[in-house]
Amino acid sequence: MASRIGIVGVAGRMGRLLVEEVDAAGATLAGGCLRAGSSATAPQGVTLFPDLPALAAASDVVIDFTNAAAVQGNAAALAAAGTPWILGTSGLSAADEAAVARAAERITVVYAANFSAGVNLVLALAERMGAALPAESYDAEIVEMHHRQKVDAPSGTAIGMGRAVAKGRGTTLEAVMESGRHGHTGPRKTGAIGFAALRGGQVVGEHTLIFASGTEHIALTHRAFDRRAFATGAVRAALWAVSRPPGLYSMMNVLGMTDSGE
């Protein structure tokens, strides 16, 4: 039987693309749900459930690209239902990420900063470049641009790039991150990973990782032109997740670039 996929926020921009990609993948759309009080209209023919627990009970896996404010509640609801969770929401706090990790003790969770296959290959390269280009000689900077409606900065993908570089260098992003420089900041710290966030127009997503030394610059860039790339990857992750044991996984696991859960 085809896997039954539920979609949180099914009436949103990503939700509608996910509906199309579920059909394209030959899976079964269990239905969707909206945030409480929403007046949005679900796509035609989509079964609308009153809340997430009801959707989870009818689904083999649930895809969630909603707001960070909903993450802790969604984590508790899906863990209680025992339903695997594909999470693509960005801007999570430390408390939100802790709630995701707790849920992963009971259910399969695929949490990714970006579900595009191309971005995940870039993240793998970023880690290798971080390991190969010493922090003492190569300054790492990440520049990202998104549409004017995006509410979090830096983006989840930019954070993912920074974490990959930091991992390659044997440290954590929290220890070396510099974001939002303003005023008299003094000289750049050796080993820092800097971020710049641009917002404007309707840019789907552009990310550039720069390694700058005194003798050369190396730039690694990914540009997304259509959000469908994220939807396609999320459905791929959903189909992968239904047969996996509980744990916290990433899109790297889905793509076969690493074997174990995080």
Protein backbone atom coordinates (compact mmCIF):
# COMPACT_ATOMS: atom_id res chain seq x y z
CA MET A 1 0.00 0.00 0.00
CA ALA A 2 1.27 3.48 -0.86
CA SER A 3 2.47 5.52 2.09
CA ARG A 4 -0.10 7.96 3.45
CA ILE A 5 1.44 11.41 3.76
CA GLY A 6 -0.10 14.22 5.81
CA ILE A 7 0.77 17.89 5.29
CA VAL A 8 0.72 20.53 8.01
CA GLY A 9 -0.16 23.96 6.59
CA VAL A 10 -1.58 22.37 3.46
CA ALA A 11 -3.08 25.64 2.18
CA GLY A 12 0.24 27.52 2.19
CA ARG A 13 2.67 28.06 -0.64
CA MET A 14 4.79 25.04 0.28
CA GLY A 15 1.75 23.00 1.27
CA ARG A 16 0.24 23.27 -2.21
CA LEU A 17 3.50 22.24 -3.86
CA LEU A 18 3.73 19.27 -1.49
CA VAL A 19 0.24 18.14 -2.53
CA GLU A 20 1.42 18.05 -6.15
CA GLU A 21 4.68 16.27 -5.33
CA VAL A 22 2.94 13.59 -3.24
CA ASP A 23 0.82 12.77 -6.28
CA ALA A 24 3.86 12.83 -8.60
CA ALA A 25 5.66 10.36 -6.31
CA GLY A 26 2.75 7.91 -6.45
CA ALA A 27 2.10 8.20 -2.71
CA THR A 28 -1.28 8.69 -1.05
CA LEU A 29 -2.22 12.08 0.36
CA ALA A 30 -3.86 11.43 3.71
CA GLY A 31 -4.90 15.07 3.94
CA GLY A 32 -3.79 18.17 5.72
CA CYS A 33 -4.49 20.60 8.53
CA LEU A 34 -4.30 24.35 9.04
CA ARG A 35 -3.34 26.46 12.02
CA ALA A 36 -6.15 27.16 14.46
CA GLY A 37 -8.34 30.04 13.31
CA SER A 38 -7.02 30.06 9.75
CA SER A 39 -9.46 31.11 7.04
CA ALA A 40 -7.33 29.70 4.23
CA THR A 41 -8.82 27.26 1.74
CA ALA A 42 -7.21 23.86 1.20
CA PRO A 43 -6.49 22.69 -2.36
CA GLN A 44 -9.44 21.07 -4.08
CA GLY A 45 -10.00 17.44 -3.16
CA VAL A 46 -7.74 17.51 -0.09
CA THR A 47 -9.22 16.10 3.12
CA LEU A 48 -8.92 18.69 5.86
CA PHE A 49 -8.47 17.46 9.44
CA PRO A 50 -9.41 19.62 12.46
CA ASP A 51 -5.97 19.45 14.07
CA LEU A 52 -2.56 17.79 13.95
CA PRO A 53 -3.41 14.83 16.23
CA ALA A 54 -6.28 13.87 13.91
CA LEU A 55 -4.05 14.23 10.84
CA ALA A 56 -1.26 12.21 12.48
CA ALA A 57 -3.67 9.36 13.30
CA ALA A 58 -4.61 9.09 9.61
CA SER A 59 -1.05 9.35 8.25
CA ASP A 60 2.02 7.15 7.99
CA VAL A 61 4.24 10.26 8.00
CA VAL A 62 3.65 14.01 8.33
CA ILE A 63 5.48 16.83 6.51
CA ASP A 64 5.74 20.15 8.34
CA PHE A 65 7.05 23.42 6.85
CA THR A 66 5.10 25.72 9.18
CA ASN A 67 6.20 28.35 11.71
CA ALA A 68 8.86 27.91 14.38
CA ALA A 69 6.32 28.93 17.01
CA ALA A 70 4.43 25.69 16.34
CA VAL A 71 7.41 23.33 16.56
CA GLN A 72 7.25 22.40 20.24
CA GLY A 73 3.52 21.66 20.12
CA ASN A 74 3.88 19.73 16.88
CA ALA A 75 6.76 17.70 18.35
CA ALA A 76 4.65 16.67 21.33
CA ALA A 77 1.61 15.81 19.19
CA LEU A 78 3.51 13.68 16.69
CA ALA A 79 5.54 11.90 19.37
CA ALA A 80 2.31 11.05 21.18
CA ALA A 81 0.79 9.72 17.96
CA GLY A 82 3.91 7.76 17.02
CA THR A 83 3.91 9.29 13.54
CA PRO A 84 7.18 10.02 11.69
CA TRP A 85 7.87 13.72 11.14
CA ILE A 86 9.55 15.52 8.24
CA LEU A 87 10.47 18.97 9.56
CA GLY A 88 11.61 21.79 7.26
CA THR A 89 10.81 24.79 9.47
CA SER A 90 13.67 27.25 9.97
CA GLY A 91 14.43 29.73 12.74
CA LEU A 92 14.26 27.19 15.56
CA SER A 93 15.48 28.19 19.02
CA ALA A 94 17.58 25.99 21.27
CA ALA A 95 14.39 25.03 23.13
CA ASP A 96 12.69 24.14 19.85
CA GLU A 97 15.61 21.95 18.81
CA ALA A 98 15.55 20.24 22.20
CA ALA A 99 11.86 19.45 21.67
CA VAL A 100 12.68 17.97 18.25
CA ALA A 101 15.42 15.82 19.82
CA ARG A 102 13.01 14.57 22.51
CA ALA A 103 10.46 13.63 19.85
CA ALA A 104 13.17 11.72 17.96
CA GLU A 105 13.56 9.41 20.97
CA ARG A 106 10.07 8.09 20.17
CA ILE A 107 9.55 8.66 16.43
CA THR A 108 11.50 8.98 13.19
CA VAL A 109 12.33 12.64 12.58
CA VAL A 110 13.99 13.99 9.44
CA TYR A 111 14.98 17.57 10.23
CA ALA A 112 16.82 19.53 7.57
CA ALA A 113 17.74 23.15 7.01
CA ASN A 114 16.98 22.54 3.34
CA PHE A 115 15.51 19.53 1.53
CA SER A 116 17.06 20.31 -1.86
CA ALA A 117 19.46 17.60 -3.01
CA GLY A 118 21.79 20.28 -4.39
CA VAL A 119 21.99 22.17 -1.10
CA ASN A 120 22.83 19.01 0.80
CA LEU A 121 25.67 18.26 -1.59
CA VAL A 122 26.90 21.82 -0.98
CA LEU A 123 26.75 21.20 2.79
CA ALA A 124 28.88 18.09 2.38
CA LEU A 125 31.41 20.07 0.36
CA ALA A 126 31.36 22.88 2.94
CA GLU A 127 32.43 20.45 5.66
CA ARG A 128 35.27 19.09 3.55
CA MET A 129 36.41 22.60 2.63
CA GLY A 130 36.31 23.63 6.28
CA ALA A 131 38.61 20.72 7.11
CA ALA A 132 40.98 21.40 4.22
CA LEU A 133 41.26 25.20 4.53
CA PRO A 134 42.72 26.14 7.94
CA ALA A 135 40.91 28.81 9.94
CA GLU A 136 44.20 30.61 10.59
CA SER A 137 44.63 31.29 6.86
CA TYR A 138 41.11 31.20 5.36
CA ASP A 139 38.31 33.42 6.67
CA ALA A 140 34.87 31.87 6.17
CA GLU A 141 31.93 34.15 5.32
CA ILE A 142 28.37 33.18 4.37
CA VAL A 143 26.09 35.50 2.40
CA GLU A 144 22.43 34.65 1.87
CA MET A 145 19.48 36.39 0.20
CA HIS A 146 15.77 35.61 0.42
CA HIS A 147 12.40 37.15 -0.38
CA ARG A 148 11.20 40.12 1.62
CA GLN A 149 8.61 38.07 3.56
CA LYS A 150 11.17 35.80 5.28
CA VAL A 151 11.06 36.40 9.03
CA ASP A 152 14.24 34.69 10.31
CA ALA A 153 17.88 35.53 9.67
CA PRO A 154 20.34 34.09 8.98
CA SER A 155 18.41 31.44 7.08
CA GLY A 156 18.35 27.83 8.21
CA THR A 157 20.43 26.86 5.18
CA ALA A 158 23.05 29.50 5.99
CA ILE A 159 23.21 28.19 9.56
CA GLY A 160 23.59 24.69 8.14
CA MET A 161 26.51 25.86 6.00
CA GLY A 162 28.15 27.42 9.04
CA ARG A 163 27.69 24.29 11.09
CA ALA A 164 29.23 22.21 8.30
CA VAL A 165 32.32 24.45 8.13
CA ALA A 166 32.63 24.47 11.91
CA LYS A 167 32.35 20.68 12.04
CA GLY A 168 35.08 20.37 9.43
CA ARG A 169 37.26 22.58 11.60
CA GLY A 170 36.60 20.60 14.75
CA THR A 171 34.53 23.21 16.55
CA THR A 172 30.91 24.32 16.89
CA LEU A 173 29.19 27.18 15.13
CA GLU A 174 28.07 28.61 18.46
CA ALA A 175 31.72 29.08 19.42
CA VAL A 176 32.76 31.00 16.29
CA MET A 177 29.64 32.61 14.77
CA GLU A 178 29.63 36.34 13.95
CA SER A 179 26.35 37.72 12.64
CA GLY A 180 24.89 41.19 12.15
CA ARG A 181 28.11 43.25 12.30
CA HIS A 182 27.43 46.92 12.90
CA GLY A 183 29.44 49.93 13.98
CA HIS A 184 33.02 49.78 15.22
CA THR A 185 33.47 46.04 15.54
CA GLY A 186 37.24 45.92 15.61
CA PRO A 187 39.30 43.55 13.45
CA ARG A 188 37.91 40.22 12.34
CA LYS A 189 38.54 37.39 14.80
CA THR A 190 40.67 34.54 13.50
CA GLY A 191 38.53 31.44 13.03
CA ALA A 192 35.23 33.32 13.04
CA ILE A 193 32.46 32.32 10.62
CA GLY A 194 30.66 35.45 9.48
CA PHE A 195 27.11 35.85 8.20
CA ALA A 196 25.35 38.48 6.09
CA ALA A 197 21.60 38.27 5.41
CA LEU A 198 19.98 40.14 2.51
CA ARG A 199 16.21 40.49 2.05
CA GLY A 200 14.35 41.79 -0.97
CA GLY A 201 11.95 41.04 -3.80
CA GLN A 202 10.90 37.43 -4.24
CA VAL A 203 14.24 35.61 -4.20
CA VAL A 204 13.58 31.95 -3.43
CA GLY A 205 17.02 31.42 -1.91
CA GLU A 206 20.66 32.21 -2.68
CA HIS A 207 23.57 31.09 -0.50
CA THR A 208 27.29 31.68 -1.02
CA LEU A 209 30.08 30.34 1.18
CA ILE A 210 33.33 32.27 0.77
CA PHE A 211 36.78 31.24 1.97
CA ALA A 212 39.11 34.23 1.76
CA SER A 213 42.87 34.13 2.30
CA GLY A 214 45.59 36.65 1.55
CA THR A 215 46.27 34.95 -1.78
CA GLU A 216 42.93 33.56 -3.04
CA HIS A 217 39.17 33.51 -2.66
CA ILE A 218 37.05 30.39 -3.10
CA ALA A 219 33.25 30.70 -3.41
CA LEU A 220 30.65 27.93 -3.27
CA THR A 221 27.17 29.06 -4.36
CA HIS A 222 23.71 27.52 -4.54
CA ARG A 223 20.73 29.31 -6.09
CA ALA A 224 17.17 28.02 -5.87
CA PHE A 225 14.80 29.20 -8.59
CA ASP A 226 11.73 27.19 -7.62
CA ARG A 227 10.45 26.03 -4.21
CA ARG A 228 9.44 22.75 -5.83
CA ALA A 229 12.99 21.52 -5.23
CA PHE A 230 12.29 21.65 -1.49
CA ALA A 231 8.92 19.93 -1.87
CA THR A 232 10.37 17.14 -4.02
CA GLY A 233 13.09 16.48 -1.45
CA ALA A 234 10.64 16.52 1.47
CA VAL A 235 8.40 13.91 -0.17
CA ARG A 236 11.48 11.80 -0.89
CA ALA A 237 12.38 12.09 2.80
CA ALA A 238 8.84 11.14 3.83
CA LEU A 239 8.88 7.95 1.76
CA TRP A 240 12.31 7.09 3.20
CA ALA A 241 11.28 7.76 6.80
CA VAL A 242 8.32 5.38 7.04
CA SER A 243 10.59 2.31 7.24
CA ARG A 244 13.19 3.76 9.62
CA PRO A 245 13.51 3.29 13.39
CA PRO A 246 13.06 6.27 15.72
CA GLY A 247 15.90 8.75 15.65
CA LEU A 248 16.96 12.18 14.44
CA TYR A 249 17.98 12.06 10.79
CA SER A 250 18.97 14.62 8.19
CA MET A 251 18.60 14.88 4.43
CA MET A 252 22.16 13.52 4.27
CA ASN A 253 20.77 10.22 5.58
CA VAL A 254 17.99 10.26 2.99
CA LEU A 255 20.49 10.82 0.17
CA GLY A 256 22.67 7.96 1.42
CA MET A 257 25.59 10.27 2.26
CA THR A 258 25.71 9.01 5.85
CA ASP A 259 24.31 5.82 7.36
CA SER A 260 23.33 6.61 10.93
CA GLY A 261 20.93 8.92 12.70
CA GLU A 262 22.32 12.06 14.29
